[in-house]
Amino acid sequence: MLLLKLAFRNILRQRRRTILTVLSMTGGYILCCLSFSLTEGSYKNVIRIFTMDHTGHIQIHRDDYLQRPKVFKGIDDTPQQRQEILSQPGVHSIAPRVFAPALAYAGTRNTPVQIVGIEPQLEKTTSRLFDKVNQGQYFDVNLNADGYYSAMLGMGVAESLQIKIGDELILISQGADGSIANDIYIVTALVGTRNSWDRNKVYLPLSVAQEFLSFYGKVHQYSLLLADESAVDSTTQSLTTALPTLTINPWMQVEATFYNSMEADKRGNRFTLLIIVFIVFIGVLNTVLMSVLERTREFGVLKAIGSRPGTIAGLILIETMMLAVMSLLVGVVIAAPIIAWFALRGIALPDPIDMGGIEFGFMTGEFSVGVFAWPMLLIMAFAIAVSIPPGIRAARVSPTRAMGSF
């Protein structure tokens, strides 16, 4: 208690130095919070858009289909299978899909495409496909008046074939049983942009794609969307236990290149943040050292009357920690409304950033306990670190020399 009173008195006595130190540490804390918020918020937004675009949070396949996709590697698609997956904790929705390479024709033009068979209604709950329809209407499983099924095209396919809404599309592929698959469809919608992930896709209703590929009652993939995106690992483990004959892959494995590049970028940002905080606390260290030098006579008196070196070092540590706490309190008050604004509104980027074929036009922040807590722990750790050298110097001061100093 005596050390606390003495430390508080010294802080009040050196008002100018105290104000400068508090301002320096407060600025470092606000910068840490803002950087951490923008980094975490932006990456979570990237993950949210990326998983909603096509991957989902978890994918289920048969055997090694993810590494070596073959049209005959299918999962038996039954109501019981779907219900068992949906009954797992955290699973919000499921989208069965069928994939196959094909050659698309329109008039005298042709282009390679990838067929994607989906259930229109389930796909709405799992991905953003419905929102990405920019021309025409989202399809259904019914035949049109002329007896043709509907198809939706990626913009890259539409531009290559110079095809528009209402035109006929011919698809040729190989069926799962080795037969030649071919049929005619009517284009009802165009999806995405010429740079998006689905630019070379042709979407068909699931039952239509199964019939086209002679792949009755089977799918290549279940794409799952979770209620909580942070529960990917735990849900993957529960699904692996419940479905031992199938392969469960979280989105981090499905898009390993994207995930690894994102993690490397996050590590780089954190290292940059550490450098910034280190530079801030070099100034704080200089301030504390100057304070110790100016109070050499005071420390000499304390040692002369019997104070132990550990007590003097503890006094320096307490003063520095008190300054850090004051800075953090001021920093939280200032940083909270700023971070809340970034989390609610965000910043519109002048040029959208393309990541994996997906464009991100906004940088948003995250408002959470971690955004304030981690920089707080970082500041406190640096405050303890910078108090050690001055504390050692003050503890080793010679009373004889100190009493003769000015």
Protein backbone atom coordinates (compact mmCIF):
# COMPACT_ATOMS: atom_id res chain seq x y z
CA MET A 1 0.00 0.00 0.00
CA LEU A 2 2.86 2.34 0.82
CA LEU A 3 4.44 1.69 -2.56
CA LEU A 4 1.13 2.44 -4.28
CA LYS A 5 0.81 5.77 -2.48
CA LEU A 6 4.41 6.68 -3.25
CA ALA A 7 4.03 5.70 -6.91
CA PHE A 8 0.80 7.70 -7.24
CA ARG A 9 2.47 10.74 -5.66
CA ASN A 10 5.40 10.51 -8.07
CA ILE A 11 3.05 10.26 -11.05
CA LEU A 12 1.18 13.40 -9.96
CA ARG A 13 4.43 15.25 -9.30
CA GLN A 14 5.73 14.63 -12.82
CA ARG A 15 2.60 15.78 -14.62
CA ARG A 16 4.18 16.75 -17.90
CA ARG A 17 6.09 13.48 -18.23
CA THR A 18 3.01 11.56 -17.12
CA ILE A 19 0.83 13.19 -19.77
CA LEU A 20 3.36 12.47 -22.52
CA THR A 21 3.70 8.83 -21.45
CA VAL A 22 -0.06 8.32 -21.20
CA LEU A 23 -0.60 9.89 -24.62
CA SER A 24 2.08 7.69 -26.17
CA MET A 25 0.72 4.48 -24.65
CA THR A 26 -2.89 5.46 -25.40
CA GLY A 27 -2.03 6.08 -29.04
CA GLY A 28 -0.31 2.71 -29.25
CA TYR A 29 -3.30 0.96 -27.71
CA ILE A 30 -5.83 2.65 -30.01
CA LEU A 31 -3.68 1.81 -33.04
CA CYS A 32 -3.44 -1.82 -31.87
CA CYS A 33 -7.19 -2.11 -31.34
CA LEU A 34 -8.03 -0.54 -34.69
CA SER A 35 -5.53 -2.66 -36.60
CA PHE A 36 -6.64 -5.84 -34.84
CA SER A 37 -10.31 -5.00 -35.45
CA LEU A 38 -9.84 -4.27 -39.16
CA THR A 39 -7.67 -7.34 -39.66
CA GLU A 40 -10.01 -9.77 -37.91
CA GLY A 41 -13.17 -8.13 -39.26
CA SER A 42 -11.94 -8.07 -42.84
CA TYR A 43 -10.78 -11.67 -42.78
CA LYS A 44 -14.02 -12.88 -41.22
CA ASN A 45 -15.90 -10.99 -43.92
CA VAL A 46 -13.70 -12.58 -46.58
CA ILE A 47 -14.33 -16.06 -45.12
CA ARG A 48 -18.07 -15.41 -44.85
CA ILE A 49 -18.38 -14.32 -48.48
CA PHE A 50 -16.00 -17.01 -49.74
CA THR A 51 -17.80 -19.87 -48.00
CA MET A 52 -21.22 -18.54 -48.98
CA ASP A 53 -20.12 -18.18 -52.59
CA HIS A 54 -19.51 -21.87 -53.29
CA THR A 55 -17.52 -23.89 -50.76
CA GLY A 56 -19.79 -23.89 -47.71
CA HIS A 57 -18.19 -24.43 -44.31
CA ILE A 58 -17.86 -28.20 -44.70
CA GLN A 59 -18.00 -30.54 -47.69
CA ILE A 60 -18.74 -34.27 -47.71
CA HIS A 61 -17.44 -36.56 -50.48
CA ARG A 62 -16.85 -40.20 -51.19
CA ASP A 63 -13.29 -41.45 -50.74
CA ASP A 64 -10.72 -39.15 -52.41
CA TYR A 65 -13.15 -37.33 -54.71
CA LEU A 66 -11.80 -33.93 -53.58
CA GLN A 67 -8.27 -34.78 -54.77
CA ARG A 68 -9.25 -36.98 -57.73
CA PRO A 69 -12.76 -36.15 -58.93
CA LYS A 70 -14.34 -38.86 -61.06
CA VAL A 71 -17.93 -38.84 -62.25
CA PHE A 72 -18.61 -42.34 -60.86
CA LYS A 73 -17.47 -41.52 -57.28
CA GLY A 74 -20.89 -40.81 -55.82
CA ILE A 75 -22.64 -40.73 -52.45
CA ASP A 76 -25.98 -42.50 -52.12
CA ASP A 77 -28.36 -39.57 -51.68
CA THR A 78 -31.21 -40.67 -49.42
CA PRO A 79 -33.56 -38.74 -47.10
CA GLN A 80 -32.09 -40.68 -44.16
CA GLN A 81 -28.56 -39.63 -45.11
CA ARG A 82 -29.53 -35.97 -45.33
CA GLN A 83 -31.44 -36.12 -42.04
CA GLU A 84 -28.48 -37.69 -40.24
CA ILE A 85 -26.23 -34.87 -41.47
CA LEU A 86 -28.72 -32.15 -40.53
CA SER A 87 -29.14 -33.67 -37.05
CA GLN A 88 -25.49 -33.01 -36.19
CA PRO A 89 -24.95 -30.06 -33.80
CA GLY A 90 -24.23 -26.80 -35.59
CA VAL A 91 -25.35 -27.82 -39.10
CA HIS A 92 -27.70 -25.15 -40.47
CA SER A 93 -28.35 -26.25 -44.05
CA ILE A 94 -27.28 -28.76 -46.68
CA ALA A 95 -26.91 -28.55 -50.46
CA PRO A 96 -26.38 -31.74 -52.54
CA ARG A 97 -24.44 -31.21 -55.76
CA VAL A 98 -23.37 -33.12 -58.87
CA PHE A 99 -20.35 -32.15 -61.02
CA ALA A 100 -19.15 -33.18 -64.46
CA PRO A 101 -17.02 -31.72 -67.28
CA ALA A 102 -18.82 -31.17 -70.57
CA LEU A 103 -18.65 -29.50 -73.95
CA ALA A 104 -21.27 -26.80 -74.58
CA TYR A 105 -22.55 -25.82 -78.03
CA ALA A 106 -24.66 -22.88 -79.24
CA GLY A 107 -24.93 -22.33 -82.97
CA THR A 108 -21.48 -22.76 -84.46
CA ARG A 109 -19.61 -22.00 -81.22
CA ASN A 110 -18.45 -24.35 -78.47
CA THR A 111 -16.57 -24.12 -75.17
CA PRO A 112 -15.60 -26.47 -72.31
CA VAL A 113 -17.77 -26.06 -69.21
CA GLN A 114 -18.41 -27.67 -65.86
CA ILE A 115 -21.91 -28.93 -65.17
CA VAL A 116 -23.16 -28.33 -61.62
CA GLY A 117 -26.37 -30.04 -60.60
CA ILE A 118 -28.11 -28.43 -57.63
CA GLU A 119 -31.43 -28.53 -55.82
CA PRO A 120 -32.73 -24.99 -56.43
CA GLN A 121 -34.45 -24.49 -53.08
CA LEU A 122 -31.73 -26.04 -50.90
CA GLU A 123 -29.02 -24.13 -52.74
CA LYS A 124 -30.69 -20.86 -51.73
CA THR A 125 -30.14 -21.67 -48.04
CA THR A 126 -26.49 -22.66 -48.46
CA SER A 127 -24.91 -20.39 -51.06
CA ARG A 128 -25.31 -16.97 -52.71
CA LEU A 129 -26.19 -18.41 -56.12
CA PHE A 130 -29.72 -16.98 -56.09
CA ASP A 131 -28.35 -13.48 -55.37
CA LYS A 132 -25.79 -13.78 -58.17
CA VAL A 133 -28.39 -14.11 -60.94
CA ASN A 134 -27.93 -10.84 -62.86
CA GLN A 135 -30.04 -11.63 -65.94
CA GLY A 136 -33.11 -13.81 -66.28
CA GLN A 137 -34.82 -15.83 -63.56
CA TYR A 138 -33.62 -18.47 -61.11
CA PHE A 139 -34.63 -21.85 -62.51
CA ASP A 140 -36.85 -24.68 -61.25
CA VAL A 141 -37.14 -28.41 -61.99
CA ASN A 142 -40.14 -28.17 -64.33
CA LEU A 143 -40.18 -28.56 -68.09
CA ASN A 144 -41.07 -25.49 -70.13
CA ALA A 145 -43.90 -25.35 -72.68
CA ASP A 146 -41.65 -26.86 -75.38
CA GLY A 147 -40.54 -29.76 -73.19
CA TYR A 148 -37.04 -28.47 -72.34
CA TYR A 149 -35.39 -28.15 -68.95
CA SER A 150 -33.80 -24.89 -67.79
CA ALA A 151 -30.12 -24.11 -67.42
CA MET A 152 -28.25 -21.17 -65.87
CA LEU A 153 -24.90 -20.11 -67.32
CA GLY A 154 -21.85 -18.37 -65.94
CA MET A 155 -21.05 -15.12 -67.73
CA GLY A 156 -17.84 -16.58 -69.20
CA VAL A 157 -19.82 -19.34 -70.92
CA ALA A 158 -22.41 -16.86 -72.19
CA GLU A 159 -19.74 -14.60 -73.68
CA SER A 160 -17.82 -17.48 -75.27
CA LEU A 161 -20.95 -18.88 -76.92
CA GLN A 162 -22.53 -15.45 -77.51
CA ILE A 163 -25.71 -16.84 -76.05
CA LYS A 164 -28.59 -15.02 -74.34
CA ILE A 165 -31.71 -15.71 -72.30
CA GLY A 166 -34.14 -18.01 -74.13
CA ASP A 167 -31.52 -19.55 -76.45
CA GLU A 168 -30.88 -23.28 -76.75
CA LEU A 169 -27.79 -24.84 -75.19
CA ILE A 170 -26.43 -28.26 -76.20
CA LEU A 171 -24.36 -30.22 -73.66
CA ILE A 172 -22.22 -33.29 -74.42
CA SER A 173 -20.47 -35.26 -71.70
CA GLN A 174 -19.77 -38.79 -70.45
CA GLY A 175 -22.23 -40.53 -68.14
CA ALA A 176 -21.27 -42.29 -64.92
CA ASP A 177 -21.96 -45.63 -66.62
CA GLY A 178 -19.62 -44.85 -69.53
CA SER A 179 -22.37 -43.82 -71.97
CA ILE A 180 -22.41 -40.62 -74.04
CA ALA A 181 -24.56 -37.95 -72.38
CA ASN A 182 -26.12 -35.26 -74.58
CA ASP A 183 -29.21 -33.06 -74.38
CA ILE A 184 -30.65 -29.65 -75.19
CA TYR A 185 -31.56 -27.03 -72.55
CA ILE A 186 -33.04 -23.53 -72.53
CA VAL A 187 -31.00 -20.72 -70.95
CA THR A 188 -33.12 -19.01 -68.26
CA ALA A 189 -30.48 -17.00 -66.36
CA LEU A 190 -26.92 -15.67 -66.41
CA VAL A 191 -24.91 -15.87 -63.19
CA GLY A 192 -22.01 -13.89 -61.72
CA THR A 193 -19.45 -11.95 -63.73
CA ARG A 194 -16.77 -12.83 -66.27
CA ASN A 195 -14.21 -12.93 -63.42
CA SER A 196 -16.20 -14.79 -60.78
CA TRP A 197 -15.70 -18.39 -59.69
CA ASP A 198 -18.76 -19.59 -61.65
CA ARG A 199 -17.81 -17.99 -64.98
CA ASN A 200 -17.41 -21.41 -66.69
CA LYS A 201 -20.30 -23.18 -64.93
CA VAL A 202 -23.59 -24.50 -66.31
CA TYR A 203 -26.16 -25.03 -63.55
CA LEU A 204 -28.86 -27.67 -63.95
CA PRO A 205 -31.53 -28.87 -61.49
CA LEU A 206 -30.15 -31.82 -59.52
CA SER A 207 -32.62 -34.41 -60.85
CA VAL A 208 -31.98 -33.19 -64.41
CA ALA A 209 -28.20 -33.44 -63.99
CA GLN A 210 -28.54 -36.94 -62.48
CA GLU A 211 -30.60 -38.07 -65.44
CA PHE A 212 -28.20 -36.46 -67.92
CA LEU A 213 -25.20 -38.26 -66.35
CA SER A 214 -27.04 -41.55 -65.65
CA PHE A 215 -26.18 -40.90 -62.01
CA TYR A 216 -29.55 -41.73 -60.47
CA GLY A 217 -29.93 -41.34 -56.71
CA LYS A 218 -26.34 -40.20 -56.16
CA VAL A 219 -24.44 -36.95 -55.63
CA HIS A 220 -20.79 -36.02 -55.63
CA GLN A 221 -20.90 -33.56 -52.78
CA TYR A 222 -22.85 -32.32 -49.78
CA SER A 223 -22.04 -28.69 -49.01
CA LEU A 224 -22.91 -27.68 -45.45
CA LEU A 225 -23.47 -24.27 -43.94
CA LEU A 226 -23.04 -23.98 -40.16
CA ALA A 227 -24.91 -21.76 -37.73
CA ASP A 228 -21.57 -20.70 -36.21
CA GLU A 229 -18.60 -20.45 -38.57
CA SER A 230 -16.16 -20.80 -35.65
CA ALA A 231 -17.46 -24.34 -34.95
CA VAL A 232 -16.03 -25.85 -38.15
CA ASP A 233 -13.48 -28.07 -36.38
CA SER A 234 -15.88 -29.49 -33.77
CA THR A 235 -18.62 -30.12 -36.36
CA THR A 236 -16.12 -31.80 -38.67
CA GLN A 237 -15.15 -34.18 -35.87
CA SER A 238 -18.78 -35.03 -35.05
CA LEU A 239 -19.57 -35.66 -38.73
CA THR A 240 -16.50 -37.85 -39.12
CA THR A 241 -17.71 -39.98 -36.22
CA ALA A 242 -21.30 -40.12 -37.52
CA LEU A 243 -20.32 -40.86 -41.16
CA PRO A 244 -17.22 -43.09 -41.03
CA THR A 245 -17.61 -44.27 -44.64
CA LEU A 246 -17.50 -40.74 -46.10
CA THR A 247 -14.78 -38.10 -46.28
CA ILE A 248 -15.42 -34.88 -44.33
CA ASN A 249 -13.44 -31.80 -45.40
CA PRO A 250 -13.64 -28.35 -43.76
CA TRP A 251 -13.41 -25.40 -46.11
CA MET A 252 -9.78 -24.84 -45.02
CA GLN A 253 -8.86 -28.11 -46.74
CA VAL A 254 -11.15 -27.60 -49.73
CA GLU A 255 -9.53 -24.23 -50.48
CA ALA A 256 -6.12 -24.89 -48.92
CA THR A 257 -4.25 -22.42 -51.17
CA PHE A 258 -6.61 -19.57 -50.34
CA TYR A 259 -6.57 -20.41 -46.62
CA ASN A 260 -2.76 -20.64 -46.42
CA SER A 261 -2.28 -17.35 -48.26
CA MET A 262 -4.80 -15.68 -45.94
CA GLU A 263 -3.05 -17.05 -42.82
CA ALA A 264 0.33 -15.86 -44.13
CA ASP A 265 -1.12 -12.40 -44.69
CA LYS A 266 -2.55 -12.36 -41.15
CA ARG A 267 0.83 -13.32 -39.67
CA GLY A 268 2.46 -10.53 -41.64
CA ASN A 269 -0.06 -8.00 -40.34
CA ARG A 270 0.49 -9.13 -36.75
CA PHE A 271 4.25 -8.85 -37.12
CA THR A 272 3.84 -5.32 -38.47
CA LEU A 273 1.61 -4.51 -35.50
CA LEU A 274 4.27 -5.79 -33.08
CA ILE A 275 6.85 -3.54 -34.73
CA ILE A 276 4.57 -0.51 -34.34
CA VAL A 277 3.96 -1.26 -30.65
CA PHE A 278 7.69 -1.86 -30.11
CA ILE A 279 8.50 1.57 -31.58
CA VAL A 280 5.89 3.19 -29.32
CA PHE A 281 7.37 1.57 -26.23
CA ILE A 282 10.92 2.53 -27.10
CA GLY A 283 9.69 6.07 -26.46
CA VAL A 284 8.04 4.96 -23.22
CA LEU A 285 11.28 3.26 -22.13
CA ASN A 286 13.19 6.47 -22.78
CA THR A 287 10.66 8.42 -20.68
CA VAL A 288 10.91 5.98 -17.76
CA LEU A 289 14.71 5.99 -17.92
CA MET A 290 14.80 9.79 -17.85
CA SER A 291 12.50 9.73 -14.86
CA VAL A 292 14.85 7.36 -13.02
CA LEU A 293 17.89 9.50 -13.82
CA GLU A 294 16.17 12.63 -12.54
CA ARG A 295 15.25 10.87 -9.30
CA THR A 296 18.67 9.35 -8.59
CA ARG A 297 19.03 11.40 -5.38
CA GLU A 298 15.57 10.25 -4.25
CA PHE A 299 16.48 6.60 -4.74
CA GLY A 300 19.73 7.15 -2.87
CA VAL A 301 17.80 8.50 0.09
CA LEU A 302 15.47 5.51 0.03
CA LYS A 303 18.41 3.10 0.06
CA ALA A 304 20.13 5.11 2.80
CA ILE A 305 17.12 4.73 5.11
CA GLY A 306 17.03 0.98 4.54
CA SER A 307 14.90 0.34 1.46
CA ARG A 308 15.76 -2.90 -0.28
CA PRO A 309 16.71 -2.98 -3.99
CA GLY A 310 13.61 -5.08 -4.72
CA THR A 311 11.40 -2.42 -3.15
CA ILE A 312 12.86 0.31 -5.36
CA ALA A 313 12.55 -1.86 -8.48
CA GLY A 314 8.95 -2.65 -7.47
CA LEU A 315 8.24 1.09 -7.15
CA ILE A 316 9.35 1.65 -10.76
CA LEU A 317 7.25 -1.32 -11.93
CA ILE A 318 4.14 -0.08 -10.09
CA GLU A 319 4.52 3.43 -11.52
CA THR A 320 4.83 2.07 -15.06
CA MET A 321 1.87 -0.27 -14.57
CA MET A 322 -0.25 2.58 -13.20
CA LEU A 323 0.59 4.66 -16.26
CA ALA A 324 -0.32 1.69 -18.47
CA VAL A 325 -3.68 1.21 -16.72
CA MET A 326 -4.48 4.92 -17.07
CA SER A 327 -3.58 4.75 -20.76
CA LEU A 328 -5.74 1.66 -21.31
CA LEU A 329 -8.77 3.23 -19.64
CA VAL A 330 -8.46 6.34 -21.80
CA GLY A 331 -7.77 4.17 -24.85
CA VAL A 332 -10.90 2.02 -24.37
CA VAL A 333 -13.10 5.12 -24.10
CA ILE A 334 -11.67 6.57 -27.31
CA ALA A 335 -11.32 3.32 -29.29
CA ALA A 336 -14.78 1.85 -28.57
CA PRO A 337 -16.86 4.29 -30.68
CA ILE A 338 -14.28 4.28 -33.49
CA ILE A 339 -14.24 0.47 -33.73
CA ALA A 340 -18.05 0.33 -33.43
CA TRP A 341 -18.33 2.64 -36.44
CA PHE A 342 -15.96 0.49 -38.50
CA ALA A 343 -17.88 -2.66 -37.50
CA LEU A 344 -21.28 -1.18 -38.44
CA ARG A 345 -20.36 0.90 -41.49
CA GLY A 346 -16.93 -0.08 -42.73
CA ILE A 347 -14.89 1.59 -45.46
CA ALA A 348 -15.71 1.37 -49.15
CA LEU A 349 -12.54 0.47 -51.04
CA PRO A 350 -11.82 2.64 -54.10
CA ASP A 351 -10.81 -0.48 -56.05
CA PRO A 352 -12.37 -3.82 -55.01
CA ILE A 353 -9.90 -6.53 -54.04
CA ASP A 354 -10.10 -9.82 -55.93
CA MET A 355 -9.44 -12.93 -53.85
CA GLY A 356 -10.04 -16.32 -55.40
CA GLY A 357 -12.31 -14.86 -58.05
CA ILE A 358 -14.45 -13.04 -55.47
CA GLU A 359 -14.44 -9.26 -55.22
CA PHE A 360 -14.51 -7.50 -51.84
CA GLY A 361 -15.54 -3.87 -51.91
CA PHE A 362 -15.71 -3.10 -48.16
CA MET A 363 -13.25 -3.23 -45.29
CA THR A 364 -15.13 -3.82 -42.06
CA GLY A 365 -14.01 -4.12 -38.44
CA GLU A 366 -14.90 -6.50 -35.66
CA PHE A 367 -16.31 -5.33 -32.33
CA SER A 368 -15.61 -8.01 -29.72
CA VAL A 369 -13.93 -8.57 -26.38
CA GLY A 370 -10.87 -10.00 -28.10
CA VAL A 371 -10.33 -6.81 -30.12
CA PHE A 372 -9.84 -4.89 -26.86
CA ALA A 373 -8.38 -7.67 -24.69
CA TRP A 374 -5.46 -8.84 -26.88
CA PRO A 375 -3.99 -5.34 -27.41
CA MET A 376 -4.51 -4.73 -23.68
CA LEU A 377 -2.46 -7.80 -22.79
CA LEU A 378 0.17 -6.76 -25.32
CA ILE A 379 0.42 -3.25 -23.83
CA MET A 380 0.68 -4.61 -20.27
CA ALA A 381 3.39 -7.08 -21.30
CA PHE A 382 5.43 -4.33 -22.96
CA ALA A 383 4.89 -2.06 -19.94
CA ILE A 384 6.34 -4.72 -17.64
CA ALA A 385 9.23 -5.28 -20.06
CA VAL A 386 10.19 -1.58 -20.32
CA SER A 387 10.09 -1.15 -16.51
CA ILE A 388 12.75 -3.82 -15.92
CA PRO A 389 15.92 -1.95 -17.12
CA PRO A 390 15.07 1.29 -15.25
CA GLY A 391 14.09 -0.75 -12.18
CA ILE A 392 17.44 -2.57 -12.19
CA ARG A 393 19.30 0.72 -12.56
CA ALA A 394 17.40 2.31 -9.69
CA ALA A 395 17.87 -0.75 -7.47
CA ARG A 396 21.66 -0.73 -8.03
CA VAL A 397 22.18 2.97 -7.33
CA SER A 398 24.86 3.67 -4.73
CA PRO A 399 23.54 5.80 -1.81
CA THR A 400 26.89 7.64 -1.53
CA ARG A 401 27.00 8.63 -5.19
CA ALA A 402 23.26 9.30 -5.35
CA MET A 403 23.39 11.70 -2.36
CA GLY A 404 26.11 13.67 -4.12
CA SER A 405 24.20 13.97 -7.41
CA PHE A 406 22.04 16.91 -8.48
